[in-house]
C-alpha atoms as a PDB file:
ATOM      1  CA  MET A   1    -235.152 101.702  83.466  1.00  0.00           C
ATOM      2  CA  GLN A   2    -235.605 103.509  80.075  1.00  0.00           C
ATOM      3  CA  LEU A   3    -234.709 106.843  78.609  1.00  0.00           C
ATOM      4  CA  ARG A   4    -237.607 108.110  76.452  1.00  0.00           C
ATOM      5  CA  VAL A   5    -236.869 110.734  73.858  1.00  0.00           C
ATOM      6  CA  ARG A   6    -239.615 112.227  71.630  1.00  0.00           C
ATOM      7  CA  GLU A   7    -239.414 115.065  69.156  1.00  0.00           C
ATOM      8  CA  ILE A   8    -242.036 117.785  69.730  1.00  0.00           C
ATOM      9  CA  ASP A   9    -240.965 120.350  67.076  1.00  0.00           C
ATOM     10  CA  ARG A  10    -237.944 121.556  65.215  1.00  0.00           C
ATOM     11  CA  ASP A  11    -236.567 124.677  63.534  1.00  0.00           C
ATOM     12  CA  GLU A  12    -235.518 124.169  59.936  1.00  0.00           C
ATOM     13  CA  SER A  13    -233.036 127.127  59.744  1.00  0.00           C
ATOM     14  CA  LEU A  14    -230.791 125.991  62.734  1.00  0.00           C
ATOM     15  CA  GLY A  15    -229.982 122.844  64.530  1.00  0.00           C
ATOM     16  CA  ILE A  16    -232.582 122.967  67.282  1.00  0.00           C
ATOM     17  CA  LEU A  17    -235.060 120.252  68.293  1.00  0.00           C
ATOM     18  CA  ARG A  18    -237.621 120.618  71.040  1.00  0.00           C
ATOM     19  CA  LYS A  19    -237.816 117.214  72.640  1.00  0.00           C
ATOM     20  CA  SER A  20    -239.640 115.559  75.510  1.00  0.00           C
ATOM     21  CA  LEU A  21    -237.078 113.622  77.670  1.00  0.00           C
ATOM     22  CA  SER A  22    -237.989 111.336  80.501  1.00  0.00           C
ATOM     23  CA  ILE A  23    -236.690 108.559  82.629  1.00  0.00           C
ATOM     24  CA  ASP A  24    -239.378 106.329  84.129  1.00  0.00           C
ATOM     25  CA  GLY A  25    -239.947 107.231  87.799  1.00  0.00           C
ATOM     26  CA  PHE A  26    -237.209 109.814  88.013  1.00  0.00           C
ATOM     27  CA  CYS A  27    -237.660 112.851  85.845  1.00  0.00           C
ATOM     28  CA  SER A  28    -239.358 114.508  82.844  1.00  0.00           C
ATOM     29  CA  PHE A  29    -238.359 117.705  81.071  1.00  0.00           C
ATOM     30  CA  GLU A  30    -238.160 119.322  77.650  1.00  0.00           C
ATOM     31  CA  SER A  31    -235.206 120.601  75.754  1.00  0.00           C
ATOM     32  CA  PRO A  32    -233.349 122.843  75.165  1.00  0.00           C
ATOM     33  CA  SER A  33    -232.504 123.281  78.822  1.00  0.00           C
ATOM     34  CA  LYS A  34    -229.633 124.216  81.167  1.00  0.00           C
ATOM     35  CA  GLY A  35    -227.902 121.952  83.677  1.00  0.00           C
ATOM     36  CA  ILE A  36    -227.554 123.556  87.013  1.00  0.00           C
ATOM     37  CA  LYS A  37    -224.848 123.205  89.756  1.00  0.00           C
ATOM     38  CA  PHE A  38    -226.551 124.305  92.909  1.00  0.00           C
ATOM     39  CA  ILE A  39    -224.178 126.643  94.692  1.00  0.00           C
ATOM     40  CA  ARG A  40    -226.487 128.598  97.005  1.00  0.00           C
ATOM     41  CA  PRO A  41    -230.267 128.838  97.515  1.00  0.00           C
ATOM     42  CA  ASP A  42    -232.084 130.316  94.617  1.00  0.00           C
ATOM     43  CA  SER A  43    -235.917 129.965  94.472  1.00  0.00           C
ATOM     44  CA  PHE A  44    -236.070 130.289  90.630  1.00  0.00           C
ATOM     45  CA  LEU A  45    -233.493 127.541  89.975  1.00  0.00           C
ATOM     46  CA  GLU A  46    -235.061 125.265  92.681  1.00  0.00           C
ATOM     47  CA  THR A  47    -238.512 125.660  91.056  1.00  0.00           C
ATOM     48  CA  ASN A  48    -237.564 125.516  87.365  1.00  0.00           C
ATOM     49  CA  SER A  49    -234.437 123.409  87.005  1.00  0.00           C
ATOM     50  CA  ARG A  50    -234.753 119.686  85.939  1.00  0.00           C
ATOM     51  CA  VAL A  51    -231.087 118.892  85.415  1.00  0.00           C
ATOM     52  CA  ASN A  52    -228.865 118.760  88.518  1.00  0.00           C
ATOM     53  CA  GLU A  53    -225.054 118.555  87.925  1.00  0.00           C
ATOM     54  CA  ILE A  54    -222.987 117.036  90.632  1.00  0.00           C
ATOM     55  CA  VAL A  55    -219.311 117.208  89.899  1.00  0.00           C
ATOM     56  CA  LYS A  56    -216.646 115.135  91.682  1.00  0.00           C
ATOM     57  CA  LYS A  57    -212.883 115.726  90.958  1.00  0.00           C
ATOM     58  CA  ILE A  58    -210.950 112.411  90.775  1.00  0.00           C
ATOM     59  CA  ASP A  59    -207.134 112.888  91.065  1.00  0.00           C
ATOM     60  CA  GLU A  60    -204.409 110.498  91.836  1.00  0.00           C
ATOM     61  CA  ASP A  61    -204.908 110.895  95.606  1.00  0.00           C
ATOM     62  CA  VAL A  62    -208.667 110.163  95.363  1.00  0.00           C
ATOM     63  CA  LEU A  63    -207.963 107.095  93.185  1.00  0.00           C
ATOM     64  CA  ASP A  64    -205.513 105.808  95.874  1.00  0.00           C
ATOM     65  CA  SER A  65    -208.074 106.356  98.623  1.00  0.00           C
ATOM     66  CA  LEU A  66    -210.846 104.707  96.625  1.00  0.00           C
ATOM     67  CA  GLU A  67    -208.585 101.632  96.129  1.00  0.00           C
ATOM     68  CA  GLU A  68    -207.834 101.549  99.877  1.00  0.00           C
ATOM     69  CA  GLY A  69    -211.484 101.799 100.772  1.00  0.00           C
ATOM     70  CA  ALA A  70    -211.075 105.171 102.551  1.00  0.00           C
ATOM     71  CA  SER A  71    -213.609 107.067 100.502  1.00  0.00           C
ATOM     72  CA  SER A  72    -216.733 104.922 100.738  1.00  0.00           C
ATOM     73  CA  ARG A  73    -218.492 108.187 101.954  1.00  0.00           C
ATOM     74  CA  ILE A  74    -218.325 109.634  98.397  1.00  0.00           C
ATOM     75  CA  ALA A  75    -221.529 107.830  97.236  1.00  0.00           C
ATOM     76  CA  ARG A  76    -223.398 108.978 100.404  1.00  0.00           C
ATOM     77  CA  GLU A  77    -222.252 112.598  99.995  1.00  0.00           C
ATOM     78  CA  ILE A  78    -223.250 112.619  96.224  1.00  0.00           C
ATOM     79  CA  GLY A  79    -226.604 111.001  97.060  1.00  0.00           C
ATOM     80  CA  GLY A  80    -227.307 113.836  99.515  1.00  0.00           C
ATOM     81  CA  SER A  81    -227.074 116.228  96.575  1.00  0.00           C
ATOM     82  CA  TYR A  82    -229.746 114.516  94.575  1.00  0.00           C
ATOM     83  CA  ARG A  83    -232.838 116.642  93.835  1.00  0.00           C
ATOM     84  CA  LYS A  84    -236.289 114.927  93.534  1.00  0.00           C
ATOM     85  CA  GLY A  85    -237.825 115.070  90.103  1.00  0.00           C
ATOM     86  CA  SER A  86    -234.517 116.016  88.443  1.00  0.00           C
ATOM     87  CA  LEU A  87    -232.013 114.358  86.137  1.00  0.00           C
ATOM     88  CA  ASN A  88    -229.220 113.993  88.628  1.00  0.00           C
ATOM     89  CA  LEU A  89    -226.068 113.978  86.564  1.00  0.00           C
ATOM     90  CA  VAL A  90    -223.029 112.691  88.466  1.00  0.00           C
ATOM     91  CA  LEU A  91    -219.877 113.752  86.688  1.00  0.00           C
ATOM     92  CA  PHE A  92    -216.591 112.318  87.599  1.00  0.00           C
ATOM     93  CA  ASN A  93    -213.774 114.570  86.401  1.00  0.00           C
ATOM     94  CA  LEU A  94    -210.699 112.395  86.083  1.00  0.00           C
ATOM     95  CA  THR A  95    -207.618 114.704  86.279  1.00  0.00           C
ATOM     96  CA  VAL A  96    -204.708 112.345  85.651  1.00  0.00           C
ATOM     97  CA  ASP A  97    -202.354 112.531  82.713  1.00  0.00           C
ATOM     98  CA  ARG A  98    -202.070 108.781  82.136  1.00  0.00           C
ATOM     99  CA  VAL A  99    -204.689 105.905  82.079  1.00  0.00           C
ATOM    100  CA  PRO A 100    -204.714 104.405  85.572  1.00  0.00           C
ATOM    101  CA  SER A 101    -204.085 100.683  86.290  1.00  0.00           C
ATOM    102  CA  GLU A 102    -206.875  98.209  85.592  1.00  0.00           C
ATOM    103  CA  ASN A 103    -207.466  97.728  89.294  1.00  0.00           C
ATOM    104  CA  LYS A 104    -207.919 101.432  89.859  1.00  0.00           C
ATOM    105  CA  ILE A 105    -210.224 101.716  86.853  1.00  0.00           C
ATOM    106  CA  SER A 106    -212.335  98.761  88.137  1.00  0.00           C
ATOM    107  CA  THR A 107    -212.579 100.428  91.547  1.00  0.00           C
ATOM    108  CA  LEU A 108    -213.523 103.767  90.016  1.00  0.00           C
ATOM    109  CA  ALA A 109    -216.221 102.037  87.950  1.00  0.00           C
ATOM    110  CA  HIS A 110    -217.954 100.614  91.041  1.00  0.00           C
ATOM    111  CA  HIS A 111    -217.873 103.901  92.871  1.00  0.00           C
ATOM    112  CA  LEU A 112    -219.243 105.630  89.761  1.00  0.00           C
ATOM    113  CA  TYR A 113    -222.075 103.092  89.689  1.00  0.00           C
ATOM    114  CA  ALA A 114    -222.773 103.504  93.403  1.00  0.00           C
ATOM    115  CA  SER A 115    -222.751 107.308  93.217  1.00  0.00           C
ATOM    116  CA  SER A 116    -225.065 107.549  90.159  1.00  0.00           C
ATOM    117  CA  GLN A 117    -228.820 107.635  90.299  1.00  0.00           C
ATOM    118  CA  ALA A 118    -230.676 106.882  87.024  1.00  0.00           C
ATOM    119  CA  THR A 119    -227.776 107.672  84.559  1.00  0.00           C
ATOM    120  CA  ILE A 120    -224.091 106.814  84.536  1.00  0.00           C
ATOM    121  CA  SER A 121    -221.998 109.348  82.701  1.00  0.00           C
ATOM    122  CA  MET A 122    -218.505 108.170  81.592  1.00  0.00           C
ATOM    123  CA  PRO A 123    -215.810 110.254  83.238  1.00  0.00           C
ATOM    124  CA  THR A 124    -214.355 113.312  81.638  1.00  0.00           C
ATOM    125  CA  VAL A 125    -210.603 113.479  81.234  1.00  0.00           C
ATOM    126  CA  ARG A 126    -207.777 115.893  80.567  1.00  0.00           C
ATOM    127  CA  SER A 127    -206.672 116.503  77.057  1.00  0.00           C
ATOM    128  CA  SER A 128    -203.153 115.553  78.139  1.00  0.00           C
ATOM    129  CA  LEU A 129    -204.394 111.902  78.571  1.00  0.00           C
ATOM    130  CA  PHE A 130    -204.621 111.701  74.803  1.00  0.00           C
ATOM    131  CA  LYS A 131    -201.106 113.100  74.145  1.00  0.00           C
ATOM    132  CA  GLU A 132    -197.623 111.820  73.737  1.00  0.00           C
ATOM    133  CA  GLY A 133    -195.592 114.917  74.192  1.00  0.00           C
ATOM    134  CA  SER A 134    -197.731 117.665  72.687  1.00  0.00           C
ATOM    135  CA  LYS A 135    -199.413 115.551  70.051  1.00  0.00           C
ATOM    136  CA  ILE A 136    -202.638 113.533  70.240  1.00  0.00           C
ATOM    137  CA  THR A 137    -201.901 109.992  69.078  1.00  0.00           C
ATOM    138  CA  GLU A 138    -204.052 107.026  68.033  1.00  0.00           C
ATOM    139  CA  LYS A 139    -202.290 104.904  70.786  1.00  0.00           C
ATOM    140  CA  ARG A 140    -203.460 107.151  73.516  1.00  0.00           C
ATOM    141  CA  VAL A 141    -206.960 107.348  72.054  1.00  0.00           C
ATOM    142  CA  GLN A 142    -207.199 103.512  72.057  1.00  0.00           C
ATOM    143  CA  GLN A 143    -205.965 103.414  75.653  1.00  0.00           C
ATOM    144  CA  TYR A 144    -208.840 105.802  76.536  1.00  0.00           C
ATOM    145  CA  ILE A 145    -211.262 103.599  74.740  1.00  0.00           C
ATOM    146  CA  ALA A 146    -209.913 100.535  76.588  1.00  0.00           C
ATOM    147  CA  MET A 147    -210.468 102.425  79.851  1.00  0.00           C
ATOM    148  CA  MET A 148    -214.106 103.290  78.965  1.00  0.00           C
ATOM    149  CA  ARG A 149    -214.675  99.728  77.985  1.00  0.00           C
ATOM    150  CA  LEU A 150    -213.434  98.398  81.295  1.00  0.00           C
ATOM    151  CA  ILE A 151    -215.587 100.794  83.129  1.00  0.00           C
ATOM    152  CA  ILE A 152    -218.658  99.668  81.185  1.00  0.00           C
ATOM    153  CA  GLU A 153    -217.862  96.003  81.615  1.00  0.00           C
ATOM    154  CA  GLU A 154    -217.297  96.407  85.297  1.00  0.00           C
ATOM    155  CA  ILE A 155    -220.615  98.166  85.631  1.00  0.00           C
ATOM    156  CA  ARG A 156    -222.349  95.488  83.653  1.00  0.00           C
ATOM    157  CA  THR A 157    -221.083  92.764  86.065  1.00  0.00           C
ATOM    158  CA  VAL A 158    -223.344  94.254  88.883  1.00  0.00           C
ATOM    159  CA  GLY A 159    -226.518  93.731  86.644  1.00  0.00           C
ATOM    160  CA  ASN A 160    -226.685  97.372  85.490  1.00  0.00           C
ATOM    161  CA  SER A 161    -230.183  98.863  84.924  1.00  0.00           C
ATOM    162  CA  LYS A 162    -229.092 102.415  84.808  1.00  0.00           C
ATOM    163  CA  ILE A 163    -228.803 104.458  81.588  1.00  0.00           C
ATOM    164  CA  LEU A 164    -225.212 104.836  80.239  1.00  0.00           C
ATOM    165  CA  ILE A 165    -224.131 108.255  78.893  1.00  0.00           C
ATOM    166  CA  GLY A 166    -221.193 108.169  76.605  1.00  0.00           C
ATOM    167  CA  THR A 167    -218.817 111.088  77.075  1.00  0.00           C
ATOM    168  CA  VAL A 168    -217.166 112.189  73.833  1.00  0.00           C
ATOM    169  CA  PRO A 169    -214.147 114.572  74.028  1.00  0.00           C
ATOM    170  CA  LEU A 170    -213.979 117.309  71.382  1.00  0.00           C
ATOM    171  CA  LEU A 171    -211.206 115.812  69.318  1.00  0.00           C
ATOM    172  CA  ALA A 172    -210.458 115.702  65.562  1.00  0.00           C
ATOM    173  CA  PRO A 173    -212.873 113.491  63.539  1.00  0.00           C
ATOM    174  CA  LYS A 174    -210.407 110.554  63.157  1.00  0.00           C
ATOM    175  CA  TYR A 175    -210.358 110.183  66.923  1.00  0.00           C
ATOM    176  CA  SER A 176    -213.914 111.174  68.027  1.00  0.00           C
ATOM    177  CA  ARG A 177    -215.487 108.912  65.339  1.00  0.00           C
ATOM    178  CA  SER A 178    -213.863 105.841  66.937  1.00  0.00           C
ATOM    179  CA  ILE A 179    -215.066 106.863  70.284  1.00  0.00           C
ATOM    180  CA  VAL A 180    -218.634 107.322  69.188  1.00  0.00           C
ATOM    181  CA  ASN A 181    -218.527 104.066  67.311  1.00  0.00           C
ATOM    182  CA  PHE A 182    -217.253 102.294  70.444  1.00  0.00           C
ATOM    183  CA  TYR A 183    -220.249 103.646  72.425  1.00  0.00           C
ATOM    184  CA  HIS A 184    -222.654 102.512  69.638  1.00  0.00           C
ATOM    185  CA  GLU A 185    -221.322  98.990  70.113  1.00  0.00           C
ATOM    186  CA  TYR A 186    -222.821  99.071  73.560  1.00  0.00           C
ATOM    187  CA  GLY A 187    -226.240 100.399  72.414  1.00  0.00           C
ATOM    188  CA  ILE A 188    -225.681 103.777  74.037  1.00  0.00           C
ATOM    189  CA  ASN A 189    -228.111 106.507  72.881  1.00  0.00           C
ATOM    190  CA  ALA A 190    -227.240 109.308  75.208  1.00  0.00           C
ATOM    191  CA  PHE A 191    -224.095 111.325  74.833  1.00  0.00           C
ATOM    192  CA  CYS A 192    -222.172 114.245  76.464  1.00  0.00           C
ATOM    193  CA  VAL A 193    -219.736 116.267  74.380  1.00  0.00           C
ATOM    194  CA  ASP A 194    -216.861 117.501  76.665  1.00  0.00           C
ATOM    195  CA  GLY A 195    -215.592 120.674  75.018  1.00  0.00           C
ATOM    196  CA  ASN A 196    -212.566 120.830  77.367  1.00  0.00           C
ATOM    197  CA  THR A 197    -213.023 124.678  77.396  1.00  0.00           C
ATOM    198  CA  SER A 198    -212.804 124.861  73.605  1.00  0.00           C
ATOM    199  CA  ASP A 199    -215.118 127.212  71.583  1.00  0.00           C
ATOM    200  CA  LEU A 200    -217.493 125.068  69.588  1.00  0.00           C
ATOM    201  CA  LEU A 201    -217.960 127.564  66.798  1.00  0.00           C
ATOM    202  CA  THR A 202    -214.254 127.716  66.300  1.00  0.00           C
ATOM    203  CA  HIS A 203    -214.068 123.924  66.275  1.00  0.00           C
ATOM    204  CA  GLU A 204    -217.224 123.675  64.077  1.00  0.00           C
ATOM    205  CA  ALA A 205    -215.945 120.842  61.994  1.00  0.00           C
ATOM    206  CA  ASP A 206    -214.858 118.679  64.907  1.00  0.00           C
ATOM    207  CA  PHE A 207    -218.186 119.283  66.649  1.00  0.00           C
ATOM    208  CA  ARG A 208    -220.116 118.538  63.518  1.00  0.00           C
ATOM    209  CA  SER A 209    -218.269 115.293  62.991  1.00  0.00           C
ATOM    210  CA  ILE A 210    -219.305 114.080  66.533  1.00  0.00           C
ATOM    211  CA  LEU A 211    -222.922 114.883  65.899  1.00  0.00           C
ATOM    212  CA  SER A 212    -222.823 113.248  62.454  1.00  0.00           C
ATOM    213  CA  SER A 213    -221.199 110.078  63.968  1.00  0.00           C
ATOM    214  CA  ILE A 214    -224.036 109.848  66.542  1.00  0.00           C
ATOM    215  CA  ASN A 215    -226.672 110.594  63.977  1.00  0.00           C
ATOM    216  CA  SER A 216    -225.417 107.873  61.637  1.00  0.00           C
ATOM    217  CA  ARG A 217    -226.667 105.137  64.080  1.00  0.00           C
ATOM    218  CA  THR A 218    -229.321 106.909  66.134  1.00  0.00           C
ATOM    219  CA  PRO A 219    -231.194 109.946  64.818  1.00  0.00           C
ATOM    220  CA  LEU A 220    -230.423 113.067  66.828  1.00  0.00           C
ATOM    221  CA  SER A 221    -234.253 113.379  67.255  1.00  0.00           C
ATOM    222  CA  GLU A 222    -234.208 110.185  69.349  1.00  0.00           C
ATOM    223  CA  THR A 223    -231.031 110.930  71.300  1.00  0.00           C
ATOM    224  CA  LEU A 224    -230.156 112.814  74.468  1.00  0.00           C
ATOM    225  CA  ILE A 225    -227.280 115.223  73.765  1.00  0.00           C
ATOM    226  CA  LEU A 226    -225.577 117.091  76.562  1.00  0.00           C
ATOM    227  CA  ALA A 227    -222.433 119.302  76.478  1.00  0.00           C
ATOM    228  CA  ASN A 228    -220.225 120.649  79.200  1.00  0.00           C
ATOM    229  CA  ASN A 229    -216.909 122.583  79.533  1.00  0.00           C
ATOM    230  CA  LEU A 230    -217.700 124.672  76.523  1.00  0.00           C
ATOM    231  CA  GLY A 231    -215.587 127.707  75.848  1.00  0.00           C
ATOM    232  CA  TYR A 232    -215.951 131.170  74.316  1.00  0.00           C
ATOM    233  CA  PRO A 233    -213.726 133.443  72.162  1.00  0.00           C
ATOM    234  CA  GLN A 234    -210.503 134.461  73.888  1.00  0.00           C
ATOM    235  CA  PHE A 235    -208.743 137.741  74.084  1.00  0.00           C
ATOM    236  CA  GLU A 236    -211.794 139.985  74.379  1.00  0.00           C
ATOM    237  CA  GLN A 237    -211.219 142.803  76.720  1.00  0.00           C
ATOM    238  CA  GLU A 238    -214.682 143.992  77.682  1.00  0.00           C
ATOM    239  CA  GLU A 239    -217.277 141.661  76.211  1.00  0.00           C
ATOM    240  CA  THR A 240    -217.250 138.252  74.416  1.00  0.00           C
ATOM    241  CA  ARG A 241    -219.947 136.295  72.549  1.00  0.00           C
ATOM    242  CA  ALA A 242    -221.567 133.532  74.488  1.00  0.00           C
ATOM    243  CA  ASP A 243    -220.582 130.753  72.147  1.00  0.00           C
ATOM    244  CA  ASP A 244    -221.133 128.155  74.883  1.00  0.00           C
ATOM    245  CA  PHE A 245    -224.859 129.195  75.095  1.00  0.00           C
ATOM    246  CA  LEU A 246    -225.096 129.316  71.327  1.00  0.00           C
ATOM    247  CA  SER A 247    -224.605 125.527  71.390  1.00  0.00           C
ATOM    248  CA  ILE A 248    -228.313 124.992  72.067  1.00  0.00           C
ATOM    249  CA  PHE A 249    -228.802 126.029  68.412  1.00  0.00           C
ATOM    250  CA  ALA A 250    -226.545 123.204  67.350  1.00  0.00           C
ATOM    251  CA  TYR A 251    -228.527 120.090  68.473  1.00  0.00           C
ATOM    252  CA  ILE A 252    -227.430 120.356  72.125  1.00  0.00           C
ATOM    253  CA  ASP A 253    -230.439 119.367  74.437  1.00  0.00           C
ATOM    254  CA  VAL A 254    -228.828 120.306  77.748  1.00  0.00           C
ATOM    255  CA  LEU A 255    -226.028 122.983  78.220  1.00  0.00           C
ATOM    256  CA  GLY A 256    -223.980 121.929  81.149  1.00  0.00           C
ATOM    257  CA  GLY A 257    -221.603 123.895  83.210  1.00  0.00           C
ATOM    258  CA  THR A 258    -217.800 124.343  82.982  1.00  0.00           C
ATOM    259  CA  PHE A 259    -215.794 122.702  85.689  1.00  0.00           C
ATOM    260  CA  LYS A 260    -212.384 122.758  83.922  1.00  0.00           C
ATOM    261  CA  ILE A 261    -210.069 125.630  83.427  1.00  0.00           C
ATOM    262  CA  ARG A 262    -208.234 126.782  80.424  1.00  0.00           C
ATOM    263  CA  GLY A 263    -204.553 126.599  80.946  1.00  0.00           C
ATOM    264  CA  VAL A 264    -202.914 127.949  84.122  1.00  0.00           C
ATOM    265  CA  PRO A 265    -204.702 131.146  85.430  1.00  0.00           C
ATOM    266  CA  VAL A 266    -202.523 134.158  85.956  1.00  0.00           C
ATOM    267  CA  GLY A 267    -203.836 135.996  89.035  1.00  0.00           C
ATOM    268  CA  LYS A 268    -207.516 135.946  89.784  1.00  0.00           C
ATOM    269  CA  PRO A 269    -209.807 134.780  86.920  1.00  0.00           C
ATOM    270  CA  ARG A 270    -211.890 137.493  85.346  1.00  0.00           C
ATOM    271  CA  LEU A 271    -215.582 137.368  85.998  1.00  0.00           C
ATOM    272  CA  LYS A 272    -218.222 136.949  83.264  1.00  0.00           C
ATOM    273  CA  GLN A 273    -221.822 138.323  83.310  1.00  0.00           C
ATOM    274  CA  PHE A 274    -224.273 136.674  80.805  1.00  0.00           C
ATOM    275  CA  SER A 275    -226.638 138.898  78.907  1.00  0.00           C
ATOM    276  CA  ARG A 276    -229.845 137.488  77.461  1.00  0.00           C
ATOM    277  CA  ARG A 277    -230.321 140.568  75.356  1.00  0.00           C
ATOM    278  CA  ARG A 278    -226.890 140.455  73.676  1.00  0.00           C
ATOM    279  CA  TYR A 279    -225.957 136.722  73.983  1.00  0.00           C
ATOM    280  CA  SER A 280    -222.699 137.795  75.411  1.00  0.00           C
ATOM    281  CA  TYR A 281    -220.526 137.892  78.588  1.00  0.00           C
ATOM    282  CA  LYS A 282    -219.527 141.183  79.907  1.00  0.00           C
ATOM    283  CA  ILE A 283    -215.962 140.848  81.267  1.00  0.00           C
ATOM    284  CA  LEU A 284    -215.661 142.202  84.835  1.00  0.00           C
ATOM    285  CA  PRO A 285    -212.578 142.885  86.808  1.00  0.00           C
ATOM    286  CA  PRO A 286    -211.948 140.681  89.945  1.00  0.00           C
ATOM    287  CA  ASN A 287    -213.524 141.794  93.199  1.00  0.00           C
ATOM    288  CA  THR A 288    -216.448 143.701  91.515  1.00  0.00           C
ATOM    289  CA  CYS A 289    -218.968 141.170  92.835  1.00  0.00           C
ATOM    290  CA  VAL A 290    -219.307 137.922  94.752  1.00  0.00           C
ATOM    291  CA  PRO A 291    -218.394 135.126  92.362  1.00  0.00           C
ATOM    292  CA  ASN A 292    -220.911 132.567  93.551  1.00  0.00           C
ATOM    293  CA  GLU A 293    -223.654 135.159  93.270  1.00  0.00           C
ATOM    294  CA  LEU A 294    -222.661 135.922  89.726  1.00  0.00           C
ATOM    295  CA  LYS A 295    -222.505 132.242  88.872  1.00  0.00           C
ATOM    296  CA  ASN A 296    -226.011 131.748  90.209  1.00  0.00           C
ATOM    297  CA  THR A 297    -227.239 134.789  88.287  1.00  0.00           C
ATOM    298  CA  ASN A 298    -225.740 133.458  85.103  1.00  0.00           C
ATOM    299  CA  GLN A 299    -227.237 130.033  85.523  1.00  0.00           C
ATOM    300  CA  ARG A 300    -230.630 131.635  86.193  1.00  0.00           C
ATOM    301  CA  GLU A 301    -230.453 133.878  83.155  1.00  0.00           C
ATOM    302  CA  GLN A 302    -229.404 130.962  80.868  1.00  0.00           C
ATOM    303  CA  LEU A 303    -232.022 128.653  82.178  1.00  0.00           C
ATOM    304  CA  GLU A 304    -234.592 131.290  81.679  1.00  0.00           C
ATOM    305  CA  GLU A 305    -233.432 132.045  78.091  1.00  0.00           C
ATOM    306  CA  ALA A 306    -233.234 128.330  77.272  1.00  0.00           C
ATOM    307  CA  HIS A 307    -236.831 127.925  78.316  1.00  0.00           C
ATOM    308  CA  ALA A 308    -237.872 131.028  76.384  1.00  0.00           C
ATOM    309  CA  VAL A 309    -236.239 129.503  73.227  1.00  0.00           C
ATOM    310  CA  GLN A 310    -237.885 126.223  74.020  1.00  0.00           C
ATOM    311  CA  LYS A 311    -241.368 127.739  73.817  1.00  0.00           C
ATOM    312  CA  ILE A 312    -241.010 129.207  70.361  1.00  0.00           C
ATOM    313  CA  VAL A 313    -239.249 126.344  68.575  1.00  0.00           C
ATOM    314  CA  GLY A 314    -241.397 125.636  65.450  1.00  0.00           C
ATOM    315  CA  GLU A 315    -243.379 128.869  65.919  1.00  0.00           C
ATOM    316  CA  GLU A 316    -240.653 131.457  65.117  1.00  0.00           C
ATOM    317  CA  ARG A 317    -237.591 131.127  62.885  1.00  0.00           C
ATOM    318  CA  MET A 318    -234.671 130.734  65.232  1.00  0.00           C
ATOM    319  CA  GLU A 319    -232.258 132.464  62.780  1.00  0.00           C
ATOM    320  CA  LYS A 320    -234.446 135.544  62.929  1.00  0.00           C
ATOM    321  CA  TYR A 321    -234.639 135.292  66.679  1.00  0.00           C
ATOM    322  CA  ILE A 322    -230.867 135.154  67.364  1.00  0.00           C
ATOM    323  CA  GLU A 323    -230.170 137.891  64.758  1.00  0.00           C
ATOM    324  CA  GLN A 324    -231.808 140.222  67.336  1.00  0.00           C
ATOM    325  CA  LYS A 325    -229.069 139.432  69.833  1.00  0.00           C
ATOM    326  CA  SER A 326    -226.583 142.183  69.210  1.00  0.00           C
ATOM    327  CA  LYS A 327    -223.370 140.159  69.818  1.00  0.00           C
ATOM    328  CA  VAL A 328    -224.412 137.376  67.394  1.00  0.00           C
ATOM    329  CA  ASP A 329    -222.811 138.154  64.102  1.00  0.00           C
ATOM    330  CA  GLU A 330    -223.164 136.706  60.559  1.00  0.00           C
ATOM    331  CA  ILE A 331    -220.105 134.423  61.028  1.00  0.00           C
ATOM    332  CA  ALA A 332    -221.657 132.793  64.133  1.00  0.00           C
ATOM    333  CA  ILE A 333    -225.006 132.227  62.352  1.00  0.00           C
ATOM    334  CA  SER A 334    -223.221 130.895  59.244  1.00  0.00           C
ATOM    335  CA  ARG A 335    -221.369 128.295  61.435  1.00  0.00           C
ATOM    336  CA  LEU A 336    -224.521 127.256  63.222  1.00  0.00           C
ATOM    337  CA  LYS A 337    -226.320 126.940  59.895  1.00  0.00           C
ATOM    338  CA  SER A 338    -223.383 124.852  58.562  1.00  0.00           C
ATOM    339  CA  ILE A 339    -223.857 122.383  61.450  1.00  0.00           C
ATOM    340  CA  ALA A 340    -227.550 122.162  60.872  1.00  0.00           C
ATOM    341  CA  GLY A 341    -227.367 122.059  57.104  1.00  0.00           C
ATOM    342  CA  LYS A 342    -224.778 119.270  56.892  1.00  0.00           C
ATOM    343  CA  ILE A 343    -226.465 116.844  59.298  1.00  0.00           C
ATOM    344  CA  LYS A 344    -229.614 115.258  58.021  1.00  0.00           C
ATOM    345  CA  VAL A 345    -231.858 114.467  60.980  1.00  0.00           C
ATOM    346  CA  ASP A 346    -234.758 112.145  60.211  1.00  0.00           C
END
């Protein structure tokens, strides 16, 4: 099984590449695109989506049940959510604060392999897993890398033919660099940036460092780059810029969904309505609409906009295009240009 990545065109002002991406016998699509979590029937999404996100939360109880053999149904349930002709991304969200025992990691690896179709994404984790007290430490990062190594080695023991996707948490360069280099040791050329609900434009330097580390070994033009759990500016009362969506102008091929929460919610979470015209989210009070209907609408709007952008890459300057989006200001454009300008893509 092989992941094929071919550049079709690029924009010189911002970091956006139009690519053809395919996996033999499974899927073929172009970037930039939007990963979809199918919540309820939607004819547009069913017809036009080619990236299907299937998220499974893995907490301590699930780890225990996997170890005891009580959850063998997980792979069957996930397999039932596959969509023909799509990149079916199975995302294990590991919600523990400490690296599990080697036995539990080994068991998790085999369930991850069994649940995955053509690609195997390394699990996402909580930021607390990297911390001692309130501080991220090298010791904890190395424990994380050791966990990823054990997962990959366990998967390899079954004669793996699936494509590995290295998940890279959005951390400071001294930590993310060692994680990317670790994945390079295994010849991995597909990556998923886990923003952990952080705003990429606020963490521009950390994000740029991840992309630069990837590009140092495999050109971004030959790499699949996904991103999930991306945040947006906080403390806006009525409208906030859609910084998560703007990541498609920073070398992200597929914008995934957000399945983590930022902190502990106080009361019901506010609802966000995406605007293609403004590249923003309108903040709505709770109970103003059905949340799942709004989520579907946002996914549909973002997929449609990603495909609209896809069609004009190389034909129209992307900087000029997004300047027309009324919530995109000079600071946002400057940060996007900084990412593009400081990473040389062959």
